């Protein structure tokens, strides 16, 4: 499943927690790339990631918990 991460609505977003979440839910994402994607997301630009279908439910819950808005592309 492909997700488009749109924005983070948290008052004080936790960069480390967001990057860790991206690493855990996405396919083939390194720590360095996750931190770069987190910076891009927090600057206000959308980010695309690919999530395994079997982990999609827990991935979406984790994103909602971090106040990240997303669209499901595929």
C-alpha atoms as a PDB file:
ATOM      1  CA  UNK A   1       0.000   0.000   0.000  1.00  0.00           C
ATOM      2  CA  UNK A   2       1.283   3.468  -0.857  1.00  0.00           C
ATOM      3  CA  UNK A   3       0.666   6.386   1.512  1.00  0.00           C
ATOM      4  CA  UNK A   4       1.037  10.095   0.964  1.00  0.00           C
ATOM      5  CA  UNK A   5       1.935  11.745   4.290  1.00  0.00           C
ATOM      6  CA  UNK A   6       0.469  15.234   4.055  1.00  0.00           C
ATOM      7  CA  UNK A   7       1.211  17.068   7.286  1.00  0.00           C
ATOM      8  CA  UNK A   8       1.726  16.803  11.021  1.00  0.00           C
ATOM      9  CA  UNK A   9      -0.791  18.684  13.157  1.00  0.00           C
ATOM     10  CA  UNK A  10       0.910  18.132  16.514  1.00  0.00           C
ATOM     11  CA  UNK A  11       1.773  21.275  18.490  1.00  0.00           C
ATOM     12  CA  UNK A  12       5.248  19.951  19.266  1.00  0.00           C
ATOM     13  CA  UNK A  13       6.031  17.184  16.797  1.00  0.00           C
ATOM     14  CA  UNK A  14       8.536  14.603  18.024  1.00  0.00           C
ATOM     15  CA  UNK A  15      10.988  14.205  15.136  1.00  0.00           C
ATOM     16  CA  UNK A  16      12.552  11.086  16.583  1.00  0.00           C
ATOM     17  CA  UNK A  17       9.203   9.362  17.085  1.00  0.00           C
ATOM     18  CA  UNK A  18       8.049  10.251  13.573  1.00  0.00           C
ATOM     19  CA  UNK A  19      11.304   9.019  12.002  1.00  0.00           C
ATOM     20  CA  UNK A  20      11.152   5.786  14.040  1.00  0.00           C
ATOM     21  CA  UNK A  21       7.560   5.267  12.926  1.00  0.00           C
ATOM     22  CA  UNK A  22       8.513   5.759   9.259  1.00  0.00           C
ATOM     23  CA  UNK A  23      11.347   3.229   9.584  1.00  0.00           C
ATOM     24  CA  UNK A  24       9.055   0.675  11.242  1.00  0.00           C
ATOM     25  CA  UNK A  25       6.118   0.927   8.832  1.00  0.00           C
ATOM     26  CA  UNK A  26       7.793   1.535   5.478  1.00  0.00           C
ATOM     27  CA  UNK A  27       9.537  -0.920   3.209  1.00  0.00           C
ATOM     28  CA  UNK A  28      13.285  -0.467   2.707  1.00  0.00           C
ATOM     29  CA  UNK A  29      13.714   2.815   4.573  1.00  0.00           C
ATOM     30  CA  UNK A  30      16.943   3.553   6.428  1.00  0.00           C
ATOM     31  CA  UNK A  31      17.231   5.710   9.535  1.00  0.00           C
ATOM     32  CA  UNK A  32      18.921   8.495   7.579  1.00  0.00           C
ATOM     33  CA  UNK A  33      16.209   8.549   4.922  1.00  0.00           C
ATOM     34  CA  UNK A  34      13.504   8.513   7.601  1.00  0.00           C
ATOM     35  CA  UNK A  35      14.981  11.612   9.273  1.00  0.00           C
ATOM     36  CA  UNK A  36      15.180  13.372   5.893  1.00  0.00           C
ATOM     37  CA  UNK A  37      11.546  12.476   5.147  1.00  0.00           C
ATOM     38  CA  UNK A  38      10.540  13.692   8.607  1.00  0.00           C
ATOM     39  CA  UNK A  39      12.219  17.050   7.997  1.00  0.00           C
ATOM     40  CA  UNK A  40      10.458  17.370   4.644  1.00  0.00           C
ATOM     41  CA  UNK A  41       7.106  16.505   6.230  1.00  0.00           C
ATOM     42  CA  UNK A  42       7.524  18.993   9.082  1.00  0.00           C
ATOM     43  CA  UNK A  43       8.475  21.735   6.601  1.00  0.00           C
ATOM     44  CA  UNK A  44       5.038  21.301   5.055  1.00  0.00           C
ATOM     45  CA  UNK A  45       5.708  19.168   1.973  1.00  0.00           C
ATOM     46  CA  UNK A  46       4.029  15.828   1.323  1.00  0.00           C
ATOM     47  CA  UNK A  47       6.020  12.577   1.502  1.00  0.00           C
ATOM     48  CA  UNK A  48       5.242   9.236  -0.200  1.00  0.00           C
ATOM     49  CA  UNK A  49       6.031   5.943   1.519  1.00  0.00           C
ATOM     50  CA  UNK A  50       5.217   2.304   0.780  1.00  0.00           C
ATOM     51  CA  UNK A  51       3.790   0.139   3.585  1.00  0.00           C
ATOM     52  CA  UNK A  52       3.392  -3.643   3.652  1.00  0.00           C
ATOM     53  CA  UNK A  53      -0.260  -4.610   3.301  1.00  0.00           C
ATOM     54  CA  UNK A  54      -0.130  -6.956   6.293  1.00  0.00           C
ATOM     55  CA  UNK A  55       1.002  -4.075   8.555  1.00  0.00           C
ATOM     56  CA  UNK A  56      -1.314  -1.426   7.124  1.00  0.00           C
ATOM     57  CA  UNK A  57      -3.764  -1.287  10.053  1.00  0.00           C
ATOM     58  CA  UNK A  58      -1.105  -0.780  12.702  1.00  0.00           C
ATOM     59  CA  UNK A  59       0.764   1.665  10.446  1.00  0.00           C
ATOM     60  CA  UNK A  60      -2.310   3.862  10.049  1.00  0.00           C
ATOM     61  CA  UNK A  61      -2.939   3.805  13.814  1.00  0.00           C
ATOM     62  CA  UNK A  62       0.672   4.816  14.487  1.00  0.00           C
ATOM     63  CA  UNK A  63       0.404   7.738  12.062  1.00  0.00           C
ATOM     64  CA  UNK A  64      -2.857   8.938  13.630  1.00  0.00           C
ATOM     65  CA  UNK A  65      -1.277   8.712  17.090  1.00  0.00           C
ATOM     66  CA  UNK A  66       1.507  11.058  15.911  1.00  0.00           C
ATOM     67  CA  UNK A  67      -1.114  13.473  14.434  1.00  0.00           C
ATOM     68  CA  UNK A  68       0.048  12.840  10.871  1.00  0.00           C
ATOM     69  CA  UNK A  69      -2.520  13.383   8.127  1.00  0.00           C
ATOM     70  CA  UNK A  70      -2.251  10.968   5.217  1.00  0.00           C
ATOM     71  CA  UNK A  71      -3.942   9.838   1.995  1.00  0.00           C
ATOM     72  CA  UNK A  72      -4.016   6.264   0.793  1.00  0.00           C
ATOM     73  CA  UNK A  73      -2.829   6.201  -2.813  1.00  0.00           C
ATOM     74  CA  UNK A  74      -2.937   2.447  -3.549  1.00  0.00           C
END
